[in-house]
Amino acid sequence: MQVYLPIAELSINVFWLLGIGAAVGILSGMFGIGGGFLLTPLLIFTGIPPAVAVSTGANQIVASSVAGALAHWRRRAIDVRMALVMLAGGVVGSLIGVFLFRYLRALGLIDLVISLSYVFLLGSVGALMLYESGRAILRARKGTPPVHSRGHHSWVHGLPIKMRFKQSRLYVSAIPPFMLGVLVGLLASIMGVGGGFFLIPAMIYLLRIPTSIVIGTSLFQIIFVMSFTTILQSLTNQTVDIVLAFFLIVGGVVGAQIGAAAGQRLKGEELRAILAVIVVGVALRLGVELVVAPKEIYSIEFQKAK
């Protein structure tokens, strides 16, 4: 059963799209991430133009983030003030990213930039995750307790413009969370990712936010950053495919339930190791496609008369 994607301008099997959405949803349910950093490459592998994959993938991240944020809101595990500071930075980052996206697209470089960004980001993050999870598994087998940092303060706590965040029980500068928001906005608009895979570790180790507050706060601000980015992409670049987004969201909702149940049966370090292998594998696949000659070197593109 084929469905035509009007913005991507190609026909794809419906069940294949539902399967991609479900696969990313399973990962989201297992690992507590939006899955955008894997969804966009999977769409590119399918033949979806990178520009459309980036803009449309944000819709599924919004849907999954809303569900997760509501659950954390009911448990009062969201620092709204911290999330608003990050959201302010995210709006700035999204504005910069969308117009940079448009500029690179006009130059014909957007596909290359997206692929290179994914290879670098996924390769580095995946390698670090694989190293850390491997050490954790070895420590667990040897019975060695995990190493925790005893320091409670860092250079971040010496910065100006301090604010009190009651939910997180912190009194720190607003500059680091604002800049983290800017980075999330840039990644959202150029790469179509929510940034949770780097934002959550940064909030824990850099800002010293309690782990119980981190996930909900991250999801809360990602909802609005990704929604804002999607609207900007739609109005500015016209690269959001609603039909594609619909099938991805449907598959993702089902997959998330399966992933949540499966994730409860595995240990934390095992989950991180599996995710790291997947991330590195996707980075390698994208890297290979950048250096291997395509089957069709030339393509014909029809432009509408101005």
Protein backbone atom coordinates (compact mmCIF):
# COMPACT_ATOMS: atom_id res chain seq x y z
CA MET A 1 0.00 0.00 0.00
CA GLN A 2 1.68 3.16 -1.24
CA VAL A 3 1.12 6.72 -0.04
CA TYR A 4 2.26 9.87 -1.82
CA LEU A 5 4.21 12.38 0.24
CA PRO A 6 3.46 15.81 -1.28
CA ILE A 7 6.44 17.73 0.12
CA ALA A 8 8.98 14.91 -0.26
CA GLU A 9 7.51 14.29 -3.74
CA LEU A 10 7.71 10.48 -3.73
CA SER A 11 5.57 7.45 -2.92
CA ILE A 12 6.48 5.13 -0.04
CA ASN A 13 4.91 2.04 1.47
CA VAL A 14 2.64 2.94 4.42
CA PHE A 15 3.74 -0.03 6.50
CA TRP A 16 7.39 0.93 6.00
CA LEU A 17 6.70 4.40 7.40
CA LEU A 18 4.76 2.94 10.32
CA GLY A 19 7.66 0.54 10.92
CA ILE A 20 10.20 3.39 11.03
CA GLY A 21 7.99 5.29 13.46
CA ALA A 22 7.54 2.19 15.60
CA ALA A 23 11.27 1.41 15.62
CA VAL A 24 12.14 4.92 16.80
CA GLY A 25 9.25 4.77 19.28
CA ILE A 26 10.66 1.54 20.74
CA LEU A 27 14.03 3.23 21.22
CA SER A 28 12.31 6.24 22.76
CA GLY A 29 10.43 4.04 25.21
CA MET A 30 13.50 2.02 26.11
CA PHE A 31 16.00 4.84 26.53
CA GLY A 32 13.88 7.89 27.40
CA ILE A 33 14.98 9.93 24.37
CA GLY A 34 13.08 11.66 21.59
CA GLY A 35 14.78 9.57 18.92
CA GLY A 36 15.20 12.39 16.41
CA PHE A 37 18.93 11.72 16.01
CA LEU A 38 18.04 8.25 14.66
CA LEU A 39 14.76 9.10 12.92
CA THR A 40 16.28 11.64 10.51
CA PRO A 41 19.06 9.30 9.27
CA LEU A 42 16.52 6.48 8.83
CA LEU A 43 14.33 8.76 6.71
CA ILE A 44 17.36 9.78 4.65
CA PHE A 45 18.23 6.10 4.08
CA THR A 46 14.65 5.60 2.84
CA GLY A 47 15.06 8.27 0.18
CA ILE A 48 13.41 11.23 1.90
CA PRO A 49 15.30 14.46 1.08
CA PRO A 50 17.41 15.48 4.11
CA ALA A 51 15.74 18.91 4.32
CA VAL A 52 12.28 17.30 4.56
CA ALA A 53 13.52 14.61 6.96
CA VAL A 54 14.91 17.23 9.37
CA SER A 55 11.82 19.44 9.37
CA THR A 56 9.23 16.64 9.51
CA GLY A 57 11.02 14.53 12.11
CA ALA A 58 10.51 17.32 14.63
CA ASN A 59 6.77 16.56 14.70
CA GLN A 60 7.26 13.10 16.19
CA ILE A 61 9.63 14.51 18.81
CA VAL A 62 6.92 16.96 19.88
CA ALA A 63 4.35 14.17 20.19
CA SER A 64 6.60 11.87 22.24
CA SER A 65 7.85 14.75 24.40
CA VAL A 66 4.30 15.84 25.28
CA ALA A 67 3.44 12.36 26.54
CA GLY A 68 6.61 12.14 28.61
CA ALA A 69 6.34 15.67 30.01
CA LEU A 70 2.76 15.10 31.18
CA ALA A 71 3.85 12.07 33.17
CA HIS A 72 6.64 14.06 34.85
CA TRP A 73 4.30 17.02 35.45
CA ARG A 74 1.94 14.81 37.42
CA ARG A 75 4.88 13.76 39.60
CA ARG A 76 5.95 17.42 40.00
CA ALA A 77 9.33 16.56 38.52
CA ILE A 78 9.69 19.61 36.24
CA ASP A 79 11.60 22.79 37.06
CA VAL A 80 9.46 25.21 35.05
CA ARG A 81 11.72 28.22 35.71
CA MET A 82 14.81 26.35 34.48
CA ALA A 83 12.86 25.13 31.44
CA LEU A 84 11.75 28.69 30.60
CA VAL A 85 15.35 29.96 30.68
CA MET A 86 16.36 27.14 28.32
CA LEU A 87 13.31 27.84 26.17
CA ALA A 88 14.38 31.48 25.76
CA GLY A 89 17.74 30.27 24.50
CA GLY A 90 16.04 27.66 22.32
CA VAL A 91 13.95 30.32 20.55
CA VAL A 92 17.10 32.32 19.76
CA GLY A 93 18.91 29.19 18.55
CA SER A 94 15.94 28.14 16.40
CA LEU A 95 15.75 31.54 14.70
CA ILE A 96 19.46 31.45 13.90
CA GLY A 97 19.29 27.80 12.78
CA VAL A 98 16.26 28.16 10.49
CA PHE A 99 17.74 31.11 8.61
CA LEU A 100 21.10 29.31 8.43
CA PHE A 101 19.20 26.28 7.10
CA ARG A 102 17.60 28.49 4.43
CA TYR A 103 20.96 30.01 3.47
CA LEU A 104 22.68 26.63 3.15
CA ARG A 105 19.75 25.28 1.16
CA ALA A 106 20.02 28.20 -1.29
CA LEU A 107 23.72 27.37 -1.75
CA GLY A 108 22.88 23.69 -2.33
CA LEU A 109 24.92 22.60 0.70
CA ILE A 110 22.18 21.67 3.17
CA ASP A 111 22.21 17.92 2.41
CA LEU A 112 25.99 17.74 2.86
CA VAL A 113 25.92 19.79 6.07
CA ILE A 114 23.17 17.62 7.58
CA SER A 115 25.02 14.39 6.76
CA LEU A 116 28.38 15.66 8.04
CA SER A 117 26.76 16.97 11.23
CA TYR A 118 25.21 13.58 11.90
CA VAL A 119 28.42 11.69 11.21
CA PHE A 120 30.38 13.92 13.60
CA LEU A 121 27.76 14.15 16.35
CA LEU A 122 26.59 10.54 16.33
CA GLY A 123 30.11 9.21 15.95
CA SER A 124 31.51 11.19 18.89
CA VAL A 125 28.51 10.75 21.20
CA GLY A 126 28.15 7.05 20.33
CA ALA A 127 31.84 6.37 20.96
CA LEU A 128 31.72 8.10 24.35
CA MET A 129 28.54 6.22 25.30
CA LEU A 130 30.04 2.91 24.23
CA TYR A 131 33.19 3.58 26.27
CA GLU A 132 31.24 4.63 29.37
CA SER A 133 28.75 1.76 29.20
CA GLY A 134 31.57 -0.75 28.61
CA ARG A 135 33.35 0.44 31.74
CA ALA A 136 30.09 0.26 33.71
CA ILE A 137 29.46 -3.33 32.59
CA LEU A 138 33.01 -4.35 33.54
CA ARG A 139 32.68 -2.69 36.95
CA ALA A 140 29.38 -4.46 37.53
CA ARG A 141 30.90 -7.86 36.68
CA LYS A 142 33.88 -7.23 38.98
CA GLY A 143 31.65 -5.94 41.76
CA THR A 144 33.39 -2.54 41.81
CA PRO A 145 31.12 0.33 42.97
CA PRO A 146 30.58 3.16 40.47
CA VAL A 147 32.78 6.24 40.80
CA HIS A 148 30.97 9.46 41.73
CA SER A 149 32.37 12.96 41.65
CA ARG A 150 32.62 14.51 45.09
CA GLY A 151 32.81 18.10 43.86
CA HIS A 152 29.67 20.13 44.29
CA HIS A 153 30.79 23.32 42.54
CA SER A 154 32.44 24.12 39.23
CA TRP A 155 33.27 27.18 37.12
CA VAL A 156 29.57 27.42 36.23
CA HIS A 157 28.72 28.50 39.78
CA GLY A 158 31.02 31.51 39.52
CA LEU A 159 29.24 33.11 36.55
CA PRO A 160 27.07 36.26 36.94
CA ILE A 161 23.28 36.76 36.47
CA LYS A 162 22.39 34.18 39.08
CA MET A 163 18.84 32.93 39.57
CA ARG A 164 17.22 30.75 42.17
CA PHE A 165 15.60 27.56 40.87
CA LYS A 166 13.51 26.24 43.76
CA GLN A 167 12.47 22.94 42.16
CA SER A 168 16.10 22.03 41.43
CA ARG A 169 17.31 23.57 44.71
CA LEU A 170 19.94 25.56 42.86
CA TYR A 171 21.24 29.12 42.86
CA VAL A 172 23.28 29.40 39.68
CA SER A 173 23.88 31.70 36.72
CA ALA A 174 21.21 31.75 34.02
CA ILE A 175 23.89 31.92 31.31
CA PRO A 176 24.71 28.16 31.06
CA PRO A 177 21.06 26.97 30.77
CA PHE A 178 20.37 29.77 28.27
CA MET A 179 23.34 28.72 26.11
CA LEU A 180 22.30 25.07 26.36
CA GLY A 181 18.91 26.19 25.02
CA VAL A 182 20.57 28.04 22.13
CA LEU A 183 22.47 24.87 21.21
CA VAL A 184 19.28 22.80 21.37
CA GLY A 185 17.53 25.28 19.07
CA LEU A 186 20.36 25.12 16.55
CA LEU A 187 20.38 21.31 16.55
CA ALA A 188 16.59 21.21 16.27
CA SER A 189 16.46 23.45 13.20
CA ILE A 190 19.50 22.09 11.34
CA MET A 191 19.46 18.42 12.35
CA GLY A 192 15.88 17.82 13.47
CA VAL A 193 16.87 16.53 16.93
CA GLY A 194 15.54 17.45 20.35
CA GLY A 195 19.01 17.31 21.85
CA GLY A 196 18.05 15.22 24.86
CA PHE A 197 20.95 12.80 24.32
CA PHE A 198 23.43 15.58 25.17
CA LEU A 199 21.19 17.98 27.12
CA ILE A 200 20.39 15.53 29.92
CA PRO A 201 24.08 14.72 30.71
CA ALA A 202 24.90 18.45 30.56
CA MET A 203 22.12 19.28 33.02
CA ILE A 204 23.28 16.57 35.42
CA TYR A 205 27.05 17.04 35.31
CA LEU A 206 27.36 20.73 34.39
CA LEU A 207 24.43 22.36 36.20
CA ARG A 208 24.15 19.72 38.95
CA ILE A 209 20.38 19.42 38.53
CA PRO A 210 18.91 16.43 40.44
CA THR A 211 18.40 13.45 38.12
CA SER A 212 14.74 13.19 39.17
CA ILE A 213 14.10 16.68 37.74
CA VAL A 214 16.29 16.53 34.64
CA ILE A 215 14.23 14.37 32.25
CA GLY A 216 10.92 16.17 32.81
CA THR A 217 12.53 19.61 32.55
CA SER A 218 14.32 18.62 29.33
CA LEU A 219 11.13 17.25 27.76
CA PHE A 220 9.12 20.32 28.81
CA GLN A 221 11.38 22.81 27.03
CA ILE A 222 11.92 20.51 24.02
CA ILE A 223 8.15 20.54 23.35
CA PHE A 224 8.11 24.28 22.76
CA VAL A 225 11.49 24.52 21.02
CA MET A 226 10.58 21.79 18.52
CA SER A 227 7.07 23.21 17.98
CA PHE A 228 8.53 26.66 17.30
CA THR A 229 11.13 25.16 14.97
CA THR A 230 8.51 23.18 13.05
CA ILE A 231 6.37 26.29 12.51
CA LEU A 232 9.39 28.30 11.36
CA GLN A 233 10.51 25.56 8.97
CA SER A 234 7.01 25.31 7.53
CA LEU A 235 6.64 29.05 7.00
CA THR A 236 10.21 29.81 5.92
CA ASN A 237 11.41 26.73 4.02
CA GLN A 238 8.16 24.78 3.30
CA THR A 239 9.84 21.47 4.16
CA VAL A 240 7.33 19.95 6.63
CA ASP A 241 5.44 16.98 5.15
CA ILE A 242 2.24 16.50 7.18
CA VAL A 243 1.41 13.12 5.60
CA LEU A 244 4.83 11.75 6.50
CA ALA A 245 4.57 13.17 10.03
CA PHE A 246 1.17 11.52 10.58
CA PHE A 247 2.36 7.97 9.87
CA LEU A 248 5.56 8.45 11.87
CA ILE A 249 3.61 9.66 14.91
CA VAL A 250 1.12 6.76 14.72
CA GLY A 251 3.93 4.22 14.55
CA GLY A 252 5.89 6.01 17.26
CA VAL A 253 3.02 5.95 19.76
CA VAL A 254 2.66 2.18 19.42
CA GLY A 255 6.40 1.57 19.49
CA ALA A 256 6.91 3.66 22.62
CA GLN A 257 4.62 1.38 24.61
CA ILE A 258 6.55 -1.70 23.45
CA GLY A 259 9.89 -0.06 24.20
CA ALA A 260 8.84 1.01 27.70
CA ALA A 261 7.92 -2.58 28.57
CA ALA A 262 11.12 -4.00 27.05
CA GLY A 263 13.34 -1.44 28.77
CA GLN A 264 12.24 -2.59 32.22
CA ARG A 265 13.84 -6.00 31.63
CA LEU A 266 17.36 -4.70 30.92
CA LYS A 267 19.96 -3.07 33.16
CA GLY A 268 20.90 0.57 32.69
CA GLU A 269 24.43 -0.10 31.43
CA GLU A 270 23.12 -2.73 28.99
CA LEU A 271 20.59 -0.26 27.60
CA ARG A 272 23.30 2.38 27.13
CA ALA A 273 25.56 -0.13 25.38
CA ILE A 274 22.81 -1.17 22.94
CA LEU A 275 21.97 2.47 22.19
CA ALA A 276 25.66 3.29 21.69
CA VAL A 277 26.08 0.46 19.16
CA ILE A 278 23.01 1.68 17.23
CA VAL A 279 24.26 5.28 17.24
CA VAL A 280 27.76 4.34 16.03
CA GLY A 281 26.26 2.06 13.36
CA VAL A 282 24.10 4.87 11.97
CA ALA A 283 27.10 7.24 11.96
CA LEU A 284 29.19 4.69 10.03
CA ARG A 285 26.40 4.13 7.51
CA LEU A 286 26.08 7.87 6.88
CA GLY A 287 29.86 8.19 6.62
CA VAL A 288 30.04 5.41 4.03
CA GLU A 289 27.33 7.06 1.91
CA LEU A 290 29.35 10.29 1.89
CA VAL A 291 32.42 8.66 0.35
CA VAL A 292 30.93 5.92 -1.85
CA ALA A 293 29.98 6.96 -5.38
CA PRO A 294 26.18 6.91 -5.89
CA LYS A 295 24.54 4.68 -8.50
CA GLU A 296 23.23 7.74 -10.32
CA ILE A 297 25.81 10.53 -10.38
CA TYR A 298 23.53 13.03 -12.08
CA SER A 299 19.91 13.89 -11.39
CA ILE A 300 17.38 16.07 -13.17
CA GLU A 301 15.42 18.62 -11.20
CA PHE A 302 12.61 20.73 -12.67
CA GLN A 303 12.24 24.24 -11.33
CA LYS A 304 9.06 26.26 -11.50
CA ALA A 305 9.18 29.41 -13.56
CA LYS A 306 9.38 32.59 -11.49
